[in-house]
Structures are given as structure tokens and as C-alpha cells.
Amino acid sequence: MVDNIKLGYQIELFLKFFRLNSVFLDSSMPVNTNKHNFNQFIRGVFNICIVLNKYNDNSPNFAAEAVEQTPIPVTIINFNIIDPELLESQCFNQNVKALYHFNSKEKKELFSRDYANIDSRIVFQEFIFNIDQMHHLRYRCEDIFHSIRDSDIKKLKAKKINQELLNSKNMQEYFQSHPDDKAKVVKAIQENSIKCIKPSATFLPNYLIHEDNKNNQIAQAIKTNYGSQKISKYKRRNVKGRMEKYLEGLEKNDGSHENVKF
């Protein structure tokens, strides 16, 4: 869970760049849009769900509902959140596989004080790792994170709103009699899709790999995950986009456009 709307979108875009399927539930968006994305997360369409700590009065508490409705145990990561009541409910829920709290140094003392003696069964264990092992990726992660602009967030919000229109049951009858308007909504989804934050970031130079990790399995895993192989421009031309497939289906009028998901 996070406290800031902009930060939530930045995390979603950051994870998408690393091919981690995620969705952010924004309290300023229509409730039905959040419900649709939430249900997709429960069904397994998204692997990671980013939610706010606070919601509007007319909005469900998606964080609590996700834990209650998940078909498999979930891992919860809280960022800078101090809520003893929330901690107790998450600690003793059978649907929670693991629970982590990432707090700033300023909140660490407050966290320990407010969470002390809530329940004798709750045990805290500090997460310790060798920061030197992370330096090889720190620069790259910061580079990608800070390359996410406000315009990227606006595009992502516009895409979600148009997806809600496209998937709305109330709009299906209207779209059947107004296919041109449906095509405009689909086009808006396509135009607001984030293709890639920074193409150059798909390459990890050797000097960013920590010395202890060179010439071993970690270095090979980094190379594999970053996908150093480049797609030929000729191959790329033969791959049809979803928008192209959708418009072709409309032209054929054989119902194939209904199978194209945005």
C-alpha cells in the first residue's frame, strides 16, 4: 500500500517496464474502473496490485478485500504506513503468506513505538541485506524511475478510463449501434499505451554489474532478463498491433474484433 497517487502510478509504470504485470487502484478514478481492475487482479490477470492506504467514502477498501477474496495466499508490502490495527488484522489472516514494512529512517522509531506490544504473537525481524550487492542496479532503477513523466501518468489514466468505457456492460448496446464511437475509444486506448519508458535502458552495461557478480549466474540472469537480443526491424514490421487487428476485424464483420483485448 502507498500514500501518494503519483507515486502509485510511478511504481506501476516502473514495474511494467521490468515486465512485471501490475495495476494501480487510484482513488480519484471512477469506482467501477477500480472494481474492474481489482477483479482482474483477483482472477490472476495482474500479479501485483498497488493500492492506497485511504479511499473515498463511496469506495471499497480494496486492500482489505484483496486479502479476503484472494484464491491464493498473498504477500503484502506496506510503504511508510503506521497502522497497528491494520498490522494485527494482516498478521493473523490465513490468506497472508508474508508481510513486509518498508519505512523511512524518520518513521522507523515511530513504527517500533506504535507497534510495540500489540500482540505477543507478533514478532518483528529486520530485513538485512548487503547494500553493496544492489549498487549495480541502483543507478539503472533510479534512471528509469525518474524518466517517468507526468505526461506518462496522464496517458495511463486516460487509457484506464477508456478501457472502462469499452468494457462497460451499459455501453455495449450503444457501441453496437455506434461502431465508429467504439473505434474512437479503442484508438484512444492504443494512443495512450506506454510502449517503453526508455529504450536505451534495456541494455545493462558491464560497469553497472557489481564486481562480485561478474562471470557468474547472477550476471547471466541480468543479461537474460534485460533481453540483450534486438528484434529485427523487418520482423517488427510483420507483427500486427492490436489496433490494426481490431480495425481489420471490423472491416471483415466476422466478429473477430471481439477477441482483441485492450
Protein backbone atom coordinates (compact mmCIF):
# COMPACT_ATOMS: atom_id res chain seq x y z
CA MET A 1 0.00 0.00 0.00
CA VAL A 2 1.15 3.54 -0.75
CA ASP A 3 0.18 7.03 0.44
CA ASN A 4 0.61 9.06 -2.75
CA ILE A 5 -1.35 8.82 -6.03
CA LYS A 6 1.53 9.97 -8.23
CA LEU A 7 3.88 7.52 -6.51
CA GLY A 8 1.39 4.71 -7.13
CA TYR A 9 1.41 5.38 -10.89
CA GLN A 10 5.20 5.69 -10.93
CA ILE A 11 5.51 2.29 -9.26
CA GLU A 12 3.05 0.73 -11.74
CA LEU A 13 4.92 2.10 -14.77
CA PHE A 14 8.26 1.14 -13.22
CA LEU A 15 7.11 -2.47 -12.72
CA LYS A 16 5.63 -2.65 -16.23
CA PHE A 17 9.00 -1.67 -17.66
CA PHE A 18 10.53 -4.74 -16.00
CA ARG A 19 7.73 -6.90 -17.46
CA LEU A 20 6.04 -7.30 -14.06
CA ASN A 21 2.28 -7.31 -14.62
CA SER A 22 0.82 -4.77 -12.20
CA VAL A 23 -2.12 -2.41 -11.72
CA PHE A 24 -2.66 0.65 -9.50
CA LEU A 25 -6.08 1.41 -7.99
CA ASP A 26 -6.41 5.19 -7.93
CA SER A 27 -8.97 6.66 -5.52
CA SER A 28 -9.51 9.64 -7.85
CA MET A 29 -10.63 7.33 -10.69
CA PRO A 30 -14.23 6.09 -11.16
CA VAL A 31 -15.09 3.39 -8.61
CA ASN A 32 -16.18 0.99 -11.37
CA THR A 33 -12.77 1.32 -13.04
CA ASN A 34 -11.05 0.32 -9.81
CA LYS A 35 -13.52 -2.54 -9.30
CA HIS A 36 -12.84 -3.84 -12.81
CA ASN A 37 -9.05 -3.77 -12.30
CA PHE A 38 -9.43 -5.24 -8.82
CA ASN A 39 -11.47 -8.18 -10.16
CA GLN A 40 -8.82 -8.78 -12.81
CA PHE A 41 -6.19 -8.97 -10.08
CA ILE A 42 -8.29 -11.50 -8.14
CA ARG A 43 -8.65 -13.59 -11.32
CA GLY A 44 -4.88 -13.55 -11.84
CA VAL A 45 -4.68 -11.14 -14.80
CA PHE A 46 -2.33 -8.94 -12.73
CA ASN A 47 0.36 -10.37 -10.45
CA ILE A 48 0.81 -7.18 -8.41
CA CYS A 49 -1.90 -4.81 -7.12
CA ILE A 50 -0.86 -1.38 -5.82
CA VAL A 51 -3.45 0.27 -3.58
CA LEU A 52 -3.75 3.43 -1.50
CA ASN A 53 -3.91 3.47 2.28
CA LYS A 54 -7.04 5.69 2.22
CA TYR A 55 -10.10 5.68 -0.04
CA ASN A 56 -13.10 7.85 -0.71
CA ASP A 57 -16.22 7.22 1.37
CA ASN A 58 -18.04 5.59 -1.56
CA SER A 59 -15.12 3.33 -2.47
CA PRO A 60 -14.46 -0.18 -1.13
CA ASN A 61 -11.32 -0.84 0.90
CA PHE A 62 -9.58 -2.78 -1.86
CA ALA A 63 -6.56 -3.67 0.29
CA ALA A 64 -8.75 -5.49 2.81
CA GLU A 65 -10.96 -7.06 0.12
CA ALA A 66 -7.95 -8.38 -1.80
CA VAL A 67 -6.77 -10.27 1.28
CA GLU A 68 -10.24 -11.68 1.93
CA GLN A 69 -11.03 -12.69 -1.66
CA THR A 70 -7.66 -13.87 -2.97
CA PRO A 71 -7.74 -17.51 -4.18
CA ILE A 72 -4.07 -17.98 -3.19
CA PRO A 73 -2.07 -16.56 -0.23
CA VAL A 74 -0.66 -13.10 -0.95
CA THR A 75 2.46 -11.20 0.00
CA ILE A 76 1.75 -7.70 1.36
CA ILE A 77 4.28 -4.87 1.22
CA ASN A 78 3.43 -1.66 3.10
CA PHE A 79 5.34 1.55 2.36
CA ASN A 80 5.65 4.12 5.17
CA ILE A 81 2.36 3.11 6.75
CA ILE A 82 1.89 3.03 10.51
CA ASP A 83 -1.42 1.41 11.42
CA PRO A 84 -1.39 -1.00 14.38
CA GLU A 85 -4.95 -2.19 13.73
CA LEU A 86 -4.09 -2.99 10.12
CA LEU A 87 -0.96 -4.86 11.20
CA GLU A 88 -2.88 -7.07 13.62
CA SER A 89 -5.55 -7.97 11.04
CA GLN A 90 -2.93 -8.80 8.39
CA CYS A 91 -0.71 -10.82 10.73
CA PHE A 92 -3.44 -13.24 11.72
CA ASN A 93 -5.13 -13.65 8.33
CA GLN A 94 -4.67 -17.09 6.80
CA ASN A 95 -4.64 -15.57 3.30
CA VAL A 96 -1.46 -13.61 4.03
CA LYS A 97 1.69 -15.54 3.10
CA ALA A 98 4.21 -12.85 4.07
CA LEU A 99 4.12 -9.28 5.37
CA TYR A 100 6.81 -6.61 4.88
CA HIS A 101 7.05 -3.00 6.03
CA PHE A 102 9.38 -0.59 4.25
CA ASN A 103 9.71 2.59 6.30
CA SER A 104 11.89 5.65 6.01
CA LYS A 105 14.54 6.26 8.67
CA GLU A 106 12.37 9.09 10.06
CA LYS A 107 9.47 6.67 10.63
CA LYS A 108 11.47 3.73 11.91
CA GLU A 109 11.42 4.82 15.57
CA LEU A 110 7.74 5.77 15.36
CA PHE A 111 6.98 2.39 13.80
CA SER A 112 8.69 0.49 16.62
CA ARG A 113 6.99 2.58 19.30
CA ASP A 114 3.43 2.39 17.91
CA TYR A 115 3.65 -1.31 17.09
CA ALA A 116 5.18 -2.36 20.40
CA ASN A 117 3.15 -4.83 22.48
CA ILE A 118 0.17 -5.04 20.10
CA ASP A 119 0.12 -8.80 20.43
CA SER A 120 2.70 -11.11 21.96
CA ARG A 121 2.43 -13.41 18.93
CA ILE A 122 3.64 -10.68 16.54
CA VAL A 123 7.39 -10.84 16.04
CA PHE A 124 9.37 -8.29 14.02
CA GLN A 125 12.52 -9.24 12.18
CA GLU A 126 14.58 -6.54 10.49
CA PHE A 127 15.30 -7.18 6.82
CA ILE A 128 19.07 -7.02 6.41
CA PHE A 129 20.84 -7.13 3.07
CA ASN A 130 24.21 -6.19 1.66
CA ILE A 131 23.69 -2.77 0.05
CA ASP A 132 26.88 -3.23 -1.98
CA GLN A 133 25.19 -6.03 -3.88
CA MET A 134 22.46 -3.61 -5.00
CA HIS A 135 24.65 -0.76 -6.26
CA HIS A 136 24.97 -2.30 -9.71
CA LEU A 137 21.22 -1.86 -10.23
CA ARG A 138 20.60 1.26 -8.18
CA TYR A 139 21.65 3.70 -10.89
CA ARG A 140 19.59 1.91 -13.55
CA CYS A 141 16.46 1.76 -11.35
CA GLU A 142 16.73 5.45 -10.43
CA ASP A 143 17.28 6.33 -14.08
CA ILE A 144 14.11 4.50 -15.15
CA PHE A 145 12.02 5.75 -12.22
CA HIS A 146 12.89 9.42 -12.79
CA SER A 147 12.31 9.11 -16.54
CA ILE A 148 8.59 8.60 -15.85
CA ARG A 149 6.96 11.94 -16.67
CA ASP A 150 3.63 13.47 -15.67
CA SER A 151 2.51 13.02 -19.30
CA ASP A 152 3.07 9.25 -18.97
CA ILE A 153 0.81 9.20 -15.90
CA LYS A 154 -1.88 11.20 -17.74
CA LYS A 155 -1.74 8.75 -20.64
CA LEU A 156 -2.09 5.79 -18.27
CA LYS A 157 -5.12 7.35 -16.54
CA ALA A 158 -6.74 8.16 -19.92
CA LYS A 159 -6.17 4.58 -21.06
CA LYS A 160 -7.85 3.16 -17.94
CA ILE A 161 -10.90 5.41 -18.35
CA ASN A 162 -11.32 4.38 -21.99
CA GLN A 163 -10.89 0.73 -21.04
CA GLU A 164 -13.70 1.18 -18.53
CA LEU A 165 -15.90 2.61 -21.31
CA LEU A 166 -15.02 -0.26 -23.64
CA ASN A 167 -15.72 -2.95 -21.03
CA SER A 168 -18.83 -1.33 -19.52
CA LYS A 169 -21.94 -3.52 -19.86
CA ASN A 170 -24.08 -0.37 -20.05
CA MET A 171 -22.17 0.77 -23.15
CA GLN A 172 -22.36 -2.46 -25.15
CA GLU A 173 -25.75 -1.73 -26.70
CA TYR A 174 -24.65 1.80 -27.60
CA PHE A 175 -21.43 0.56 -29.21
CA GLN A 176 -23.35 -1.97 -31.31
CA SER A 177 -25.33 0.84 -32.94
CA HIS A 178 -22.36 3.27 -32.98
CA PRO A 179 -19.30 1.26 -34.13
CA ASP A 180 -17.46 4.47 -35.09
CA ASP A 181 -17.58 5.70 -31.49
CA LYS A 182 -16.32 2.34 -30.30
CA ALA A 183 -13.43 2.57 -32.75
CA LYS A 184 -12.57 6.01 -31.32
CA VAL A 185 -12.45 4.58 -27.79
CA VAL A 186 -10.23 1.73 -28.98
CA LYS A 187 -7.97 4.21 -30.77
CA ALA A 188 -7.72 6.30 -27.59
CA ILE A 189 -6.62 3.18 -25.68
CA GLN A 190 -3.98 2.44 -28.30
CA GLU A 191 -2.70 6.02 -28.41
CA ASN A 192 -2.36 6.19 -24.62
CA SER A 193 -0.48 2.90 -24.26
CA ILE A 194 3.02 3.29 -22.89
CA LYS A 195 5.30 1.42 -25.26
CA CYS A 196 8.62 1.84 -23.50
CA ILE A 197 9.86 4.37 -20.98
CA LYS A 198 13.41 4.49 -22.25
CA PRO A 199 14.63 2.10 -24.98
CA SER A 200 18.30 2.56 -24.02
CA ALA A 201 17.56 1.21 -20.53
CA THR A 202 17.02 -2.30 -21.92
CA PHE A 203 20.80 -2.66 -22.07
CA LEU A 204 22.76 -3.12 -18.85
CA PRO A 205 26.43 -2.17 -19.38
CA ASN A 206 29.13 -4.24 -17.75
CA TYR A 207 30.27 -1.45 -15.42
CA LEU A 208 26.85 -1.43 -13.71
CA ILE A 209 27.26 -5.05 -12.63
CA HIS A 210 28.79 -5.46 -9.17
CA GLU A 211 32.31 -6.94 -9.24
CA ASP A 212 31.31 -9.92 -7.07
CA ASN A 213 28.54 -10.83 -9.55
CA LYS A 214 30.58 -10.81 -12.76
CA ASN A 215 31.21 -14.08 -14.61
CA ASN A 216 28.62 -16.00 -12.63
CA GLN A 217 24.93 -16.93 -12.74
CA ILE A 218 23.73 -13.51 -11.50
CA ALA A 219 25.41 -11.71 -14.39
CA GLN A 220 23.88 -14.20 -16.84
CA ALA A 221 20.43 -13.77 -15.24
CA ILE A 222 20.68 -9.99 -15.58
CA LYS A 223 21.64 -10.34 -19.23
CA THR A 224 18.75 -12.77 -19.86
CA ASN A 225 16.14 -10.65 -18.06
CA TYR A 226 17.17 -7.48 -19.84
CA GLY A 227 16.91 -9.23 -23.20
CA SER A 228 20.09 -8.15 -24.95
CA GLN A 229 18.92 -9.62 -28.26
CA LYS A 230 17.48 -6.97 -30.54
CA ILE A 231 14.37 -7.58 -32.65
CA SER A 232 14.99 -7.12 -36.33
CA LYS A 233 13.19 -4.12 -37.83
CA TYR A 234 11.99 -6.42 -40.61
CA LYS A 235 10.44 -8.80 -38.10
CA ARG A 236 8.81 -5.90 -36.31
CA ARG A 237 7.02 -4.83 -39.49
CA ASN A 238 5.27 -8.21 -39.77
CA VAL A 239 3.80 -8.02 -36.26
CA LYS A 240 0.31 -6.54 -36.29
CA GLY A 241 -0.72 -4.32 -33.41
CA ARG A 242 -3.98 -4.79 -31.52
CA MET A 243 -5.45 -1.67 -33.10
CA GLU A 244 -4.71 -2.98 -36.60
CA LYS A 245 -6.22 -6.37 -35.76
CA TYR A 246 -9.32 -4.70 -34.31
CA LEU A 247 -9.92 -2.50 -37.37
CA GLU A 248 -9.38 -5.46 -39.70
CA GLY A 249 -11.98 -7.42 -37.72
CA LEU A 250 -14.46 -4.54 -38.06
CA GLU A 251 -13.89 -4.49 -41.82
CA LYS A 252 -14.42 -8.23 -42.16
CA ASN A 253 -17.52 -8.04 -39.93
CA ASP A 254 -16.93 -11.63 -38.82
CA GLY A 255 -16.86 -10.93 -35.07
CA SER A 256 -13.08 -11.45 -34.79
CA HIS A 257 -12.66 -7.89 -33.42
CA GLU A 258 -14.43 -9.02 -30.24
CA ASN A 259 -11.45 -11.26 -29.43
CA VAL A 260 -8.99 -8.36 -29.44
CA LYS A 261 -8.34 -7.28 -25.83
CA PHE A 262 -7.04 -3.83 -24.85
